[in-house]
Amino acid sequence: MMVVFEVFVAPGADPNTLLSEDTKRETMAQVMTLEEARKVGFAGLPDPGDKVVRLIAVAKRDAPWIHRALETNDAVGTFRVHEVD
């Protein structure tokens, strides 16, 4: 099972700072734009309008780590969590 975080980047923030390189390496998290996610098979993604959105896909066991990282990051406006089979 996989968990996908739908992250809405705070206005003016750099989406490349959502997760540290160490966190991405240790969890093997995949950070994607909506366009990149569609190319690898994610479907039904809404149009974000003028918002900057990133999807972060990670194994369920690492989801709490990513959740904590996003909660404490000023670049994150808000996020939603989706479990994917």
C-alpha atoms as a PDB file:
ATOM      1  CA  MET A   1       0.000   0.000   0.000  1.00  0.00           C
ATOM      2  CA  MET A   2       1.087   3.525  -0.757  1.00  0.00           C
ATOM      3  CA  VAL A   3       0.196   6.897   0.709  1.00  0.00           C
ATOM      4  CA  VAL A   4      -0.020  10.003  -1.448  1.00  0.00           C
ATOM      5  CA  PHE A   5       0.215  13.443   0.094  1.00  0.00           C
ATOM      6  CA  GLU A   6      -1.471  16.195  -1.926  1.00  0.00           C
ATOM      7  CA  VAL A   7       0.495  19.279  -0.909  1.00  0.00           C
ATOM      8  CA  PHE A   8      -0.603  22.835  -1.613  1.00  0.00           C
ATOM      9  CA  VAL A   9       2.525  24.977  -1.518  1.00  0.00           C
ATOM     10  CA  ALA A  10       2.316  28.244   0.407  1.00  0.00           C
ATOM     11  CA  PRO A  11       2.229  31.351  -1.825  1.00  0.00           C
ATOM     12  CA  GLY A  12       5.750  32.431  -2.733  1.00  0.00           C
ATOM     13  CA  ALA A  13       7.357  29.292  -1.288  1.00  0.00           C
ATOM     14  CA  ASP A  14       9.739  27.040  -3.202  1.00  0.00           C
ATOM     15  CA  PRO A  15       8.141  23.618  -3.818  1.00  0.00           C
ATOM     16  CA  ASN A  16      11.622  22.073  -3.951  1.00  0.00           C
ATOM     17  CA  THR A  17      11.943  22.637  -0.189  1.00  0.00           C
ATOM     18  CA  LEU A  18       8.981  20.452   0.835  1.00  0.00           C
ATOM     19  CA  LEU A  19      11.247  17.552   1.842  1.00  0.00           C
ATOM     20  CA  SER A  20      14.944  17.480   2.574  1.00  0.00           C
ATOM     21  CA  GLU A  21      17.205  15.384   0.375  1.00  0.00           C
ATOM     22  CA  ASP A  22      17.865  13.120   3.378  1.00  0.00           C
ATOM     23  CA  THR A  23      14.147  12.523   3.908  1.00  0.00           C
ATOM     24  CA  LYS A  24      13.592  11.765   0.225  1.00  0.00           C
ATOM     25  CA  ARG A  25      16.529   9.365   0.191  1.00  0.00           C
ATOM     26  CA  GLU A  26      15.621   7.567   3.440  1.00  0.00           C
ATOM     27  CA  THR A  27      11.913   7.162   2.572  1.00  0.00           C
ATOM     28  CA  MET A  28      12.304   6.875  -1.210  1.00  0.00           C
ATOM     29  CA  ALA A  29       9.502   9.463  -1.435  1.00  0.00           C
ATOM     30  CA  GLN A  30       8.603  10.568  -4.949  1.00  0.00           C
ATOM     31  CA  VAL A  31       7.741  14.270  -5.263  1.00  0.00           C
ATOM     32  CA  MET A  32       5.786  15.006  -8.452  1.00  0.00           C
ATOM     33  CA  THR A  33       3.964  17.792 -10.192  1.00  0.00           C
ATOM     34  CA  LEU A  34       0.410  16.952 -11.252  1.00  0.00           C
ATOM     35  CA  GLU A  35       1.614  16.589 -14.840  1.00  0.00           C
ATOM     36  CA  GLU A  36       4.338  14.139 -13.804  1.00  0.00           C
ATOM     37  CA  ALA A  37       1.823  12.175 -11.721  1.00  0.00           C
ATOM     38  CA  ARG A  38      -0.554  11.861 -14.669  1.00  0.00           C
ATOM     39  CA  LYS A  39       2.288  10.515 -16.828  1.00  0.00           C
ATOM     40  CA  VAL A  40       2.930   7.669 -14.372  1.00  0.00           C
ATOM     41  CA  GLY A  41      -0.725   6.670 -14.138  1.00  0.00           C
ATOM     42  CA  PHE A  42      -2.400   8.817 -11.506  1.00  0.00           C
ATOM     43  CA  ALA A  43      -5.873   9.687 -12.779  1.00  0.00           C
ATOM     44  CA  GLY A  44      -8.708  11.916 -11.654  1.00  0.00           C
ATOM     45  CA  LEU A  45      -6.469  14.704 -10.441  1.00  0.00           C
ATOM     46  CA  PRO A  46      -8.290  18.032 -10.093  1.00  0.00           C
ATOM     47  CA  ASP A  47      -7.147  21.225 -11.786  1.00  0.00           C
ATOM     48  CA  PRO A  48      -5.434  23.270  -9.041  1.00  0.00           C
ATOM     49  CA  GLY A  49      -6.141  26.600 -10.736  1.00  0.00           C
ATOM     50  CA  ASP A  50      -3.462  29.088  -9.763  1.00  0.00           C
ATOM     51  CA  LYS A  51      -2.197  27.009  -6.795  1.00  0.00           C
ATOM     52  CA  VAL A  52       1.137  25.193  -6.794  1.00  0.00           C
ATOM     53  CA  VAL A  53       0.522  21.540  -5.937  1.00  0.00           C
ATOM     54  CA  ARG A  54       2.907  18.631  -5.460  1.00  0.00           C
ATOM     55  CA  LEU A  55       2.079  14.990  -4.887  1.00  0.00           C
ATOM     56  CA  ILE A  56       4.359  13.000  -2.633  1.00  0.00           C
ATOM     57  CA  ALA A  57       4.087   9.218  -2.957  1.00  0.00           C
ATOM     58  CA  VAL A  58       5.598   7.078  -0.215  1.00  0.00           C
ATOM     59  CA  ALA A  59       5.270   3.606   1.302  1.00  0.00           C
ATOM     60  CA  LYS A  60       2.683   3.454   4.082  1.00  0.00           C
ATOM     61  CA  ARG A  61       5.351   2.640   6.682  1.00  0.00           C
ATOM     62  CA  ASP A  62       7.059   5.997   5.990  1.00  0.00           C
ATOM     63  CA  ALA A  63       3.887   8.101   5.899  1.00  0.00           C
ATOM     64  CA  PRO A  64       4.180   9.292   9.535  1.00  0.00           C
ATOM     65  CA  TRP A  65       7.692  10.608   8.797  1.00  0.00           C
ATOM     66  CA  ILE A  66       6.464  12.572   5.768  1.00  0.00           C
ATOM     67  CA  HIS A  67       3.409  13.789   7.701  1.00  0.00           C
ATOM     68  CA  ARG A  68       5.625  15.256  10.439  1.00  0.00           C
ATOM     69  CA  ALA A  69       7.979  16.819   7.888  1.00  0.00           C
ATOM     70  CA  LEU A  70       5.094  18.555   6.116  1.00  0.00           C
ATOM     71  CA  GLU A  71       3.471  19.753   9.343  1.00  0.00           C
ATOM     72  CA  THR A  72       6.630  21.596  10.357  1.00  0.00           C
ATOM     73  CA  ASN A  73       7.520  23.067   6.961  1.00  0.00           C
ATOM     74  CA  ASP A  74       6.670  26.723   6.298  1.00  0.00           C
ATOM     75  CA  ALA A  75       6.562  26.042   2.543  1.00  0.00           C
ATOM     76  CA  VAL A  76       3.416  23.936   3.065  1.00  0.00           C
ATOM     77  CA  GLY A  77       0.149  25.834   2.914  1.00  0.00           C
ATOM     78  CA  THR A  78      -1.972  22.744   3.534  1.00  0.00           C
ATOM     79  CA  PHE A  79      -2.024  19.087   2.591  1.00  0.00           C
ATOM     80  CA  ARG A  80      -4.318  16.102   2.298  1.00  0.00           C
ATOM     81  CA  VAL A  81      -3.483  12.423   2.725  1.00  0.00           C
ATOM     82  CA  HIS A  82      -4.771   9.669   0.419  1.00  0.00           C
ATOM     83  CA  GLU A  83      -4.226   5.918   0.818  1.00  0.00           C
ATOM     84  CA  VAL A  84      -3.742   4.104  -2.499  1.00  0.00           C
ATOM     85  CA  ASP A  85      -3.826   0.351  -3.105  1.00  0.00           C
END
